[in-house]
Amino acid sequence: MSPFLVMSLLFGLVFGQTASLCAPSEYTIHVEKRECAYCLAINTTICAGFCMTRDSNGKKLLLKSALSQNVCTYKEMLYRTALIPGCPHHTLPYYSYPVALSCKCGKCNTDYSDCVRDRLRTDYCTKPQKLCNL
């Protein structure tokens, strides 16, 4: 193996986290309530991308600190609230959603993130759609 290739591999292992492709990404959330007449399509930003992960087959032999399973998660975010149109007076017509300002590779925090890949699909509407660009 050439010295250049060895150095490239070592550099990639040491500084791979800085080369992660984790960044805010445009995303559309579809929100509807049973009582309301419309589905609301909300354009927002979420954290998405690749983060360097290290996991070993010999988990029992290594300290937990040697294992790294990072995900692309929020570094800074804010919440916005949208009004769902066509709701009767007795229904709360508001929906709050996160907006990613910046992202990082780190542990998934279940306080504000869905850390499971399989979740309810929100990329469709069953009612007439209204678009919300906030």
C-alpha atoms as a PDB file:
ATOM      1  CA  MET A   1       0.000   0.000   0.000  1.00  0.00           C
ATOM      2  CA  SER A   2       1.349   3.432  -0.887  1.00  0.00           C
ATOM      3  CA  PRO A   3       2.129   5.936   1.896  1.00  0.00           C
ATOM      4  CA  PHE A   4      -0.330   8.399   0.313  1.00  0.00           C
ATOM      5  CA  LEU A   5      -3.170   5.872   0.522  1.00  0.00           C
ATOM      6  CA  VAL A   6      -2.352   5.031   4.156  1.00  0.00           C
ATOM      7  CA  MET A   7      -2.250   8.734   5.086  1.00  0.00           C
ATOM      8  CA  SER A   8      -5.549   9.332   3.270  1.00  0.00           C
ATOM      9  CA  LEU A   9      -7.219   6.511   5.176  1.00  0.00           C
ATOM     10  CA  LEU A  10      -5.874   7.762   8.518  1.00  0.00           C
ATOM     11  CA  PHE A  11      -6.937  11.310   7.734  1.00  0.00           C
ATOM     12  CA  GLY A  12     -10.429  10.067   6.807  1.00  0.00           C
ATOM     13  CA  LEU A  13     -10.768   8.125  10.051  1.00  0.00           C
ATOM     14  CA  VAL A  14      -9.535  10.964  12.245  1.00  0.00           C
ATOM     15  CA  PHE A  15     -11.305  13.865  10.539  1.00  0.00           C
ATOM     16  CA  GLY A  16     -14.253  12.020   9.013  1.00  0.00           C
ATOM     17  CA  GLN A  17     -16.740  13.650  11.352  1.00  0.00           C
ATOM     18  CA  THR A  18     -15.915  17.087   9.967  1.00  0.00           C
ATOM     19  CA  ALA A  19     -16.631  15.809   6.460  1.00  0.00           C
ATOM     20  CA  SER A  20     -20.141  14.670   7.386  1.00  0.00           C
ATOM     21  CA  LEU A  21     -22.920  15.817   5.098  1.00  0.00           C
ATOM     22  CA  CYS A  22     -25.406  16.824   7.799  1.00  0.00           C
ATOM     23  CA  ALA A  23     -27.243  20.069   7.021  1.00  0.00           C
ATOM     24  CA  PRO A  24     -30.681  21.722   6.994  1.00  0.00           C
ATOM     25  CA  SER A  25     -32.752  20.357   4.133  1.00  0.00           C
ATOM     26  CA  GLU A  26     -36.072  21.507   2.674  1.00  0.00           C
ATOM     27  CA  TYR A  27     -39.006  19.332   3.680  1.00  0.00           C
ATOM     28  CA  THR A  28     -42.794  19.469   3.289  1.00  0.00           C
ATOM     29  CA  ILE A  29     -45.039  18.348   6.152  1.00  0.00           C
ATOM     30  CA  HIS A  30     -48.685  17.523   5.418  1.00  0.00           C
ATOM     31  CA  VAL A  31     -50.976  18.244   8.372  1.00  0.00           C
ATOM     32  CA  GLU A  32     -54.680  17.594   8.692  1.00  0.00           C
ATOM     33  CA  LYS A  33     -57.225  17.264  11.475  1.00  0.00           C
ATOM     34  CA  ARG A  34     -60.351  15.185  11.181  1.00  0.00           C
ATOM     35  CA  GLU A  35     -62.576  18.155  12.106  1.00  0.00           C
ATOM     36  CA  CYS A  36     -61.010  20.587   9.608  1.00  0.00           C
ATOM     37  CA  ALA A  37     -61.897  20.947   5.924  1.00  0.00           C
ATOM     38  CA  TYR A  38     -58.358  21.211   4.534  1.00  0.00           C
ATOM     39  CA  CYS A  39     -54.946  19.602   4.658  1.00  0.00           C
ATOM     40  CA  LEU A  40     -52.073  22.038   5.148  1.00  0.00           C
ATOM     41  CA  ALA A  41     -48.771  21.523   3.304  1.00  0.00           C
ATOM     42  CA  ILE A  42     -46.028  23.270   5.298  1.00  0.00           C
ATOM     43  CA  ASN A  43     -42.587  23.956   3.802  1.00  0.00           C
ATOM     44  CA  THR A  44     -39.905  23.840   6.495  1.00  0.00           C
ATOM     45  CA  THR A  45     -36.334  22.673   7.028  1.00  0.00           C
ATOM     46  CA  ILE A  46     -35.233  19.535   8.834  1.00  0.00           C
ATOM     47  CA  CYS A  47     -31.821  18.053   9.572  1.00  0.00           C
ATOM     48  CA  ALA A  48     -30.830  15.393   7.091  1.00  0.00           C
ATOM     49  CA  GLY A  49     -27.685  13.810   5.789  1.00  0.00           C
ATOM     50  CA  PHE A  50     -24.793  11.486   6.499  1.00  0.00           C
ATOM     51  CA  CYS A  51     -22.921  11.269   9.783  1.00  0.00           C
ATOM     52  CA  MET A  52     -19.829   9.140  10.389  1.00  0.00           C
ATOM     53  CA  THR A  53     -20.708   6.110  12.540  1.00  0.00           C
ATOM     54  CA  ARG A  54     -18.407   3.607  14.167  1.00  0.00           C
ATOM     55  CA  ASP A  55     -19.770   0.321  15.389  1.00  0.00           C
ATOM     56  CA  SER A  56     -17.956  -2.888  16.096  1.00  0.00           C
ATOM     57  CA  ASN A  57     -18.943  -6.523  15.949  1.00  0.00           C
ATOM     58  CA  GLY A  58     -17.100  -6.959  19.249  1.00  0.00           C
ATOM     59  CA  LYS A  59     -19.359  -4.639  21.265  1.00  0.00           C
ATOM     60  CA  LYS A  60     -18.910  -6.673  24.435  1.00  0.00           C
ATOM     61  CA  LEU A  61     -15.137  -6.216  24.287  1.00  0.00           C
ATOM     62  CA  LEU A  62     -15.165  -2.426  23.869  1.00  0.00           C
ATOM     63  CA  LEU A  63     -16.096   0.428  26.153  1.00  0.00           C
ATOM     64  CA  LYS A  64     -19.292   2.255  25.230  1.00  0.00           C
ATOM     65  CA  SER A  65     -17.244   5.395  24.607  1.00  0.00           C
ATOM     66  CA  ALA A  66     -15.470   3.578  21.748  1.00  0.00           C
ATOM     67  CA  LEU A  67     -18.772   3.046  19.938  1.00  0.00           C
ATOM     68  CA  SER A  68     -20.309   5.936  18.041  1.00  0.00           C
ATOM     69  CA  GLN A  69     -23.739   5.902  16.417  1.00  0.00           C
ATOM     70  CA  ASN A  70     -24.320   9.518  15.532  1.00  0.00           C
ATOM     71  CA  VAL A  71     -27.303  10.830  13.626  1.00  0.00           C
ATOM     72  CA  CYS A  72     -27.925  14.110  11.854  1.00  0.00           C
ATOM     73  CA  THR A  73     -29.836  16.127  14.451  1.00  0.00           C
ATOM     74  CA  TYR A  74     -30.723  19.695  15.384  1.00  0.00           C
ATOM     75  CA  LYS A  75     -28.010  22.025  16.664  1.00  0.00           C
ATOM     76  CA  GLU A  76     -30.256  25.099  16.597  1.00  0.00           C
ATOM     77  CA  MET A  77     -33.964  25.171  15.881  1.00  0.00           C
ATOM     78  CA  LEU A  78     -37.068  27.207  16.463  1.00  0.00           C
ATOM     79  CA  TYR A  79     -40.751  26.379  16.428  1.00  0.00           C
ATOM     80  CA  ARG A  80     -43.305  28.053  14.196  1.00  0.00           C
ATOM     81  CA  THR A  81     -47.060  27.745  14.371  1.00  0.00           C
ATOM     82  CA  ALA A  82     -49.386  27.469  11.386  1.00  0.00           C
ATOM     83  CA  LEU A  83     -53.148  27.913  11.190  1.00  0.00           C
ATOM     84  CA  ILE A  84     -55.014  24.990   9.608  1.00  0.00           C
ATOM     85  CA  PRO A  85     -57.794  26.469   7.429  1.00  0.00           C
ATOM     86  CA  GLY A  86     -61.400  25.325   7.489  1.00  0.00           C
ATOM     87  CA  CYS A  87     -61.622  24.304  11.158  1.00  0.00           C
ATOM     88  CA  PRO A  88     -64.873  24.746  13.124  1.00  0.00           C
ATOM     89  CA  HIS A  89     -64.868  27.178  16.066  1.00  0.00           C
ATOM     90  CA  HIS A  90     -64.701  24.418  18.715  1.00  0.00           C
ATOM     91  CA  THR A  91     -61.430  23.009  17.271  1.00  0.00           C
ATOM     92  CA  LEU A  92     -57.928  24.352  17.918  1.00  0.00           C
ATOM     93  CA  PRO A  93     -56.724  25.134  14.370  1.00  0.00           C
ATOM     94  CA  TYR A  94     -53.009  25.470  15.212  1.00  0.00           C
ATOM     95  CA  TYR A  95     -50.064  23.189  14.429  1.00  0.00           C
ATOM     96  CA  SER A  96     -46.527  23.814  15.753  1.00  0.00           C
ATOM     97  CA  TYR A  97     -43.530  22.414  13.893  1.00  0.00           C
ATOM     98  CA  PRO A  98     -39.724  22.636  14.154  1.00  0.00           C
ATOM     99  CA  VAL A  99     -37.541  24.619  11.765  1.00  0.00           C
ATOM    100  CA  ALA A 100     -33.884  23.597  11.596  1.00  0.00           C
ATOM    101  CA  LEU A 101     -31.513  26.558  11.680  1.00  0.00           C
ATOM    102  CA  SER A 102     -28.343  24.470  11.913  1.00  0.00           C
ATOM    103  CA  CYS A 103     -27.526  20.779  12.283  1.00  0.00           C
ATOM    104  CA  LYS A 104     -24.859  18.574  13.849  1.00  0.00           C
ATOM    105  CA  CYS A 105     -23.880  14.951  14.070  1.00  0.00           C
ATOM    106  CA  GLY A 106     -24.641  13.681  17.561  1.00  0.00           C
ATOM    107  CA  LYS A 107     -26.768  11.439  19.721  1.00  0.00           C
ATOM    108  CA  CYS A 108     -30.470  11.470  18.946  1.00  0.00           C
ATOM    109  CA  ASN A 109     -32.438  13.359  21.607  1.00  0.00           C
ATOM    110  CA  THR A 110     -35.939  11.910  21.979  1.00  0.00           C
ATOM    111  CA  ASP A 111     -37.115  15.106  23.700  1.00  0.00           C
ATOM    112  CA  TYR A 112     -37.446  16.810  20.303  1.00  0.00           C
ATOM    113  CA  SER A 113     -36.603  14.224  17.622  1.00  0.00           C
ATOM    114  CA  ASP A 114     -38.168  11.063  16.289  1.00  0.00           C
ATOM    115  CA  CYS A 115     -35.184   8.713  16.513  1.00  0.00           C
ATOM    116  CA  VAL A 116     -36.909   5.767  14.832  1.00  0.00           C
ATOM    117  CA  ARG A 117     -36.822   5.421  11.074  1.00  0.00           C
ATOM    118  CA  ASP A 118     -40.296   3.863  10.677  1.00  0.00           C
ATOM    119  CA  ARG A 119     -42.979   6.393  11.476  1.00  0.00           C
ATOM    120  CA  LEU A 120     -46.351   7.467  10.220  1.00  0.00           C
ATOM    121  CA  ARG A 121     -46.178   8.779   6.687  1.00  0.00           C
ATOM    122  CA  THR A 122     -46.890  12.503   6.468  1.00  0.00           C
ATOM    123  CA  ASP A 123     -46.225  13.016   2.777  1.00  0.00           C
ATOM    124  CA  TYR A 124     -49.819  12.973   1.578  1.00  0.00           C
ATOM    125  CA  CYS A 125     -53.237  14.533   2.158  1.00  0.00           C
ATOM    126  CA  THR A 126     -56.672  12.933   2.198  1.00  0.00           C
ATOM    127  CA  LYS A 127     -58.441  16.328   2.062  1.00  0.00           C
ATOM    128  CA  PRO A 128     -58.120  19.332  -0.277  1.00  0.00           C
ATOM    129  CA  GLN A 129     -54.673  20.858   0.149  1.00  0.00           C
ATOM    130  CA  LYS A 130     -53.592  24.405   1.066  1.00  0.00           C
ATOM    131  CA  LEU A 131     -49.913  25.439   0.882  1.00  0.00           C
ATOM    132  CA  CYS A 132     -48.253  27.344   3.731  1.00  0.00           C
ATOM    133  CA  ASN A 133     -44.947  29.093   3.019  1.00  0.00           C
ATOM    134  CA  LEU A 134     -43.739  30.627   6.255  1.00  0.00           C
END
